[in-house]
Amino acid sequence: MKHLPILLLATLCIPACVNQQVSTAPSAAQANAPINPSTLPILLGLDPVRQDLQLTSLQCALLDSLRSDYKARARTITAIGMASEDAAVRSSWDLQNLRKQYNQRALAVLTPGQQTRVRQIERQMMGGSLLASASEQSLLGLSQQQQQALYAIYKNDQASAAAINAKFNSGTMSSFSKTIALHGNQKNTSSRMLAVLTPQQKKKWMELSGQKMVLPKIHDPNANAASLFEGY
């Protein structure tokens, strides 16, 4: 393949939780918190994101240390969760707590401006699928009808993602095909969710996403065909 978009990594992130009720306006601290708790460990490990945030060498070193500890603990928790169904439930909660702890410590490394920017980048990379987040719905002032429409799209997205993962788990789909399918499913969800917004809300969403981050392309000199992701 000629180019591999870093955006594809977003398909590895767990979708944001949906709240059908409009939440209260987020506090100043919440405003710069990650919309999706599982995206921050990935985003802050990407060189283009670090370059965009203009992180110092000290900040990078601190984040690398945090990510190393996070990944080691996540692997241990996941392994324990494989023992039984009850262990899997406990593991899921432990992973959520681990992500929360990591995010708090990672964001503390960033300046207020960098915290705001990383949230903008998160919106760009995850797209309209983040509109399932109650905090995003509150920021855009979505109506009850719009929230219900987004919830229906979210449920459909989850069902489609589950079907894709089931094919992979059954051995009828390769890991690469699964990643491509999940990426396509997320793009479809993103488009459908953005279509729920009014023109004014969509404009505000674009403003909240900030200046677009330029993603580099990885060139493969042995590739002859045009990339499936040409244009990213």
Protein backbone atom coordinates (compact mmCIF):
# COMPACT_ATOMS: atom_id res chain seq x y z
CA MET A 1 0.00 0.00 0.00
CA LYS A 2 1.32 3.40 -0.97
CA HIS A 3 0.16 5.51 1.96
CA LEU A 4 -0.92 4.59 5.48
CA PRO A 5 -2.99 7.27 7.26
CA ILE A 6 -2.42 7.84 10.94
CA LEU A 7 -6.15 8.51 11.07
CA LEU A 8 -6.60 4.75 10.78
CA LEU A 9 -5.39 4.42 14.36
CA ALA A 10 -8.58 6.09 15.48
CA THR A 11 -10.45 2.88 14.67
CA LEU A 12 -8.62 1.25 17.57
CA CYS A 13 -10.22 3.63 20.06
CA ILE A 14 -13.30 2.66 22.05
CA PRO A 15 -16.39 4.69 21.02
CA ALA A 16 -17.55 7.38 23.41
CA CYS A 17 -20.38 6.57 25.77
CA VAL A 18 -23.78 7.98 24.86
CA ASN A 19 -26.05 9.91 27.18
CA GLN A 20 -29.48 10.56 25.75
CA GLN A 21 -30.00 13.51 28.08
CA VAL A 22 -28.23 16.84 27.49
CA SER A 23 -25.67 17.26 30.24
CA THR A 24 -24.93 20.50 32.03
CA ALA A 25 -22.22 22.73 30.56
CA PRO A 26 -18.77 21.29 31.32
CA SER A 27 -16.51 23.00 33.81
CA ALA A 28 -13.25 24.66 32.76
CA ALA A 29 -11.34 21.49 33.68
CA GLN A 30 -13.79 19.26 31.79
CA ALA A 31 -13.62 21.50 28.73
CA ASN A 32 -10.07 20.38 27.98
CA ALA A 33 -10.54 16.76 29.05
CA PRO A 34 -10.44 14.09 26.33
CA ILE A 35 -13.87 13.38 24.84
CA ASN A 36 -13.08 9.70 24.48
CA PRO A 37 -10.96 8.40 27.42
CA SER A 38 -9.18 5.82 25.27
CA THR A 39 -7.91 8.18 22.56
CA LEU A 40 -5.40 10.19 24.58
CA PRO A 41 -2.80 7.41 25.06
CA ILE A 42 -2.77 6.91 21.27
CA LEU A 43 -2.78 10.59 20.25
CA LEU A 44 0.01 11.66 22.59
CA GLY A 45 2.22 8.86 21.28
CA LEU A 46 2.03 10.04 17.65
CA ASP A 47 4.91 12.19 16.37
CA PRO A 48 2.69 14.41 14.18
CA VAL A 49 0.50 15.20 17.20
CA ARG A 50 3.53 15.95 19.34
CA GLN A 51 4.92 18.22 16.65
CA ASP A 52 1.59 20.01 16.32
CA LEU A 53 1.44 20.52 20.09
CA GLN A 54 5.08 21.70 20.05
CA LEU A 55 5.95 19.50 23.00
CA THR A 56 9.32 19.99 24.63
CA SER A 57 11.81 17.14 24.99
CA LEU A 58 11.01 17.00 28.71
CA GLN A 59 7.29 16.73 28.03
CA CYS A 60 7.90 13.93 25.52
CA ALA A 61 10.07 12.06 28.00
CA LEU A 62 7.43 12.35 30.73
CA LEU A 63 4.67 11.20 28.36
CA ASP A 64 6.79 8.26 27.15
CA SER A 65 7.28 7.17 30.75
CA LEU A 66 3.56 7.46 31.46
CA ARG A 67 2.62 5.57 28.28
CA SER A 68 5.09 2.78 29.06
CA ASP A 69 3.60 2.32 32.51
CA TYR A 70 0.06 2.57 31.10
CA LYS A 71 0.65 -0.11 28.45
CA ALA A 72 2.31 -2.50 30.91
CA ARG A 73 -0.53 -2.19 33.42
CA ALA A 74 -3.16 -2.44 30.67
CA ARG A 75 -1.63 -5.69 29.41
CA THR A 76 -1.66 -7.13 32.94
CA ILE A 77 -5.29 -6.12 33.54
CA THR A 78 -6.35 -7.53 30.17
CA ALA A 79 -4.60 -10.83 30.85
CA ILE A 80 -6.36 -11.17 34.20
CA GLY A 81 -9.69 -10.48 32.49
CA MET A 82 -9.25 -13.53 30.28
CA ALA A 83 -9.72 -15.89 33.24
CA SER A 84 -13.52 -15.78 33.46
CA GLU A 85 -16.61 -13.72 32.70
CA ASP A 86 -16.56 -12.16 36.17
CA ALA A 87 -12.87 -11.37 35.77
CA ALA A 88 -13.62 -9.74 32.42
CA VAL A 89 -16.17 -7.41 34.04
CA ARG A 90 -13.72 -6.42 36.76
CA SER A 91 -10.99 -5.99 34.15
CA SER A 92 -13.20 -3.64 32.16
CA TRP A 93 -13.73 -1.39 35.19
CA ASP A 94 -10.04 -1.52 36.06
CA LEU A 95 -9.14 -0.45 32.50
CA GLN A 96 -11.56 2.47 32.73
CA ASN A 97 -9.96 3.58 35.99
CA LEU A 98 -6.49 3.14 34.48
CA ARG A 99 -7.40 5.33 31.49
CA LYS A 100 -8.81 7.99 33.80
CA GLN A 101 -5.63 8.01 35.87
CA TYR A 102 -3.42 8.13 32.78
CA ASN A 103 -5.42 10.95 31.21
CA GLN A 104 -5.24 13.07 34.35
CA ARG A 105 -1.48 12.57 34.63
CA ALA A 106 -0.88 13.09 30.89
CA LEU A 107 -2.95 16.26 30.69
CA ALA A 108 -1.06 17.62 33.69
CA VAL A 109 2.10 17.45 31.55
CA LEU A 110 0.52 19.73 28.93
CA THR A 111 -0.01 23.46 29.09
CA PRO A 112 -3.62 24.77 29.01
CA GLY A 113 -3.15 25.70 25.36
CA GLN A 114 -1.84 22.23 24.49
CA GLN A 115 -4.77 20.65 26.33
CA THR A 116 -7.22 22.64 24.22
CA ARG A 117 -5.36 21.76 21.03
CA VAL A 118 -5.23 18.01 21.72
CA ARG A 119 -9.00 18.04 22.13
CA GLN A 120 -9.32 19.78 18.76
CA ILE A 121 -7.10 17.11 17.20
CA GLU A 122 -9.23 14.43 18.84
CA ARG A 123 -12.30 15.85 17.12
CA GLN A 124 -10.50 15.89 13.78
CA MET A 125 -9.29 12.31 14.03
CA MET A 126 -12.44 10.74 15.48
CA GLY A 127 -14.84 12.88 13.45
CA GLY A 128 -18.58 13.08 13.92
CA SER A 129 -18.64 9.84 15.90
CA LEU A 130 -17.70 11.94 18.93
CA LEU A 131 -21.12 13.58 18.76
CA ALA A 132 -22.27 10.60 20.84
CA SER A 133 -20.53 12.31 23.76
CA ALA A 134 -22.86 14.12 26.18
CA SER A 135 -20.32 16.93 26.59
CA GLU A 136 -20.23 17.54 22.83
CA GLN A 137 -24.02 17.52 22.65
CA SER A 138 -24.12 20.09 25.44
CA LEU A 139 -21.55 22.33 23.74
CA LEU A 140 -23.61 22.32 20.53
CA GLY A 141 -26.97 22.71 22.29
CA LEU A 142 -28.57 19.69 20.64
CA SER A 143 -32.31 19.12 20.98
CA GLN A 144 -33.82 15.99 22.54
CA GLN A 145 -34.83 14.82 19.06
CA GLN A 146 -31.26 15.22 17.79
CA GLN A 147 -29.88 13.32 20.78
CA GLN A 148 -32.28 10.45 20.13
CA ALA A 149 -31.27 10.36 16.47
CA LEU A 150 -27.59 10.23 17.45
CA TYR A 151 -28.29 7.45 19.93
CA ALA A 152 -29.96 5.38 17.20
CA ILE A 153 -26.94 5.88 14.93
CA TYR A 154 -24.61 4.96 17.78
CA LYS A 155 -26.48 1.71 18.46
CA ASN A 156 -26.30 0.82 14.77
CA ASP A 157 -22.57 1.59 14.76
CA GLN A 158 -22.02 -0.69 17.74
CA ALA A 159 -23.96 -3.51 16.10
CA SER A 160 -21.94 -3.18 12.90
CA ALA A 161 -18.65 -3.07 14.80
CA ALA A 162 -19.66 -6.14 16.80
CA ALA A 163 -20.45 -8.03 13.58
CA ILE A 164 -17.03 -7.11 12.16
CA ASN A 165 -15.25 -8.24 15.32
CA ALA A 166 -17.27 -11.47 15.32
CA LYS A 167 -16.04 -12.27 11.81
CA PHE A 168 -12.47 -11.63 12.89
CA ASN A 169 -12.84 -13.76 16.02
CA SER A 170 -14.31 -16.61 13.96
CA GLY A 171 -11.28 -16.55 11.65
CA THR A 172 -13.24 -15.49 8.55
CA MET A 173 -11.64 -12.02 8.44
CA SER A 174 -7.99 -11.00 8.62
CA SER A 175 -6.69 -8.42 11.08
CA PHE A 176 -6.01 -5.98 8.23
CA SER A 177 -9.50 -6.47 6.77
CA LYS A 178 -11.01 -5.94 10.20
CA THR A 179 -9.14 -2.64 10.62
CA ILE A 180 -10.29 -1.46 7.18
CA ALA A 181 -13.88 -2.49 7.91
CA LEU A 182 -13.91 -0.75 11.29
CA HIS A 183 -12.45 2.36 9.69
CA GLY A 184 -15.19 2.34 7.04
CA ASN A 185 -17.84 1.80 9.69
CA GLN A 186 -16.56 4.76 11.69
CA LYS A 187 -16.51 7.00 8.60
CA ASN A 188 -20.10 6.06 7.88
CA THR A 189 -21.11 6.75 11.48
CA SER A 190 -19.29 10.08 11.43
CA SER A 191 -21.08 11.22 8.27
CA ARG A 192 -24.49 10.16 9.54
CA MET A 193 -23.99 11.89 12.89
CA LEU A 194 -22.78 15.13 11.32
CA ALA A 195 -25.88 15.10 9.11
CA VAL A 196 -28.02 15.39 12.26
CA LEU A 197 -26.58 18.85 12.99
CA THR A 198 -28.11 22.09 11.77
CA PRO A 199 -25.91 24.30 9.54
CA GLN A 200 -25.20 26.55 12.53
CA GLN A 201 -24.26 23.60 14.74
CA LYS A 202 -22.05 22.15 12.04
CA LYS A 203 -20.26 25.48 11.71
CA LYS A 204 -19.66 25.58 15.46
CA TRP A 205 -18.38 21.97 15.32
CA MET A 206 -15.85 22.98 12.68
CA GLU A 207 -14.74 25.90 14.84
CA LEU A 208 -14.35 23.60 17.85
CA SER A 209 -12.18 21.30 15.72
CA GLY A 210 -9.63 24.08 15.21
CA GLN A 211 -7.03 24.33 12.47
CA LYS A 212 -6.64 21.06 10.61
CA MET A 213 -3.55 19.07 11.52
CA VAL A 214 -1.52 17.96 8.51
CA LEU A 215 -0.95 14.20 8.55
CA PRO A 216 2.21 12.94 6.82
CA LYS A 217 2.01 10.05 4.35
CA ILE A 218 4.28 7.03 4.50
CA HIS A 219 5.59 6.19 1.05
CA ASP A 220 6.10 2.62 -0.07
CA PRO A 221 8.37 2.61 -3.19
CA ASN A 222 7.32 -0.97 -3.98
CA ALA A 223 3.62 -0.15 -4.27
CA ASN A 224 2.22 0.07 -7.80
CA ALA A 225 -1.47 0.73 -7.13
CA ALA A 226 -3.00 3.96 -5.89
CA SER A 227 -3.72 3.91 -2.18
CA LEU A 228 -7.16 3.13 -0.88
CA PHE A 229 -6.63 6.10 1.40
CA GLU A 230 -5.41 8.55 -1.24
CA GLY A 231 -6.33 12.05 -0.18
CA TYR A 232 -6.05 11.61 3.58
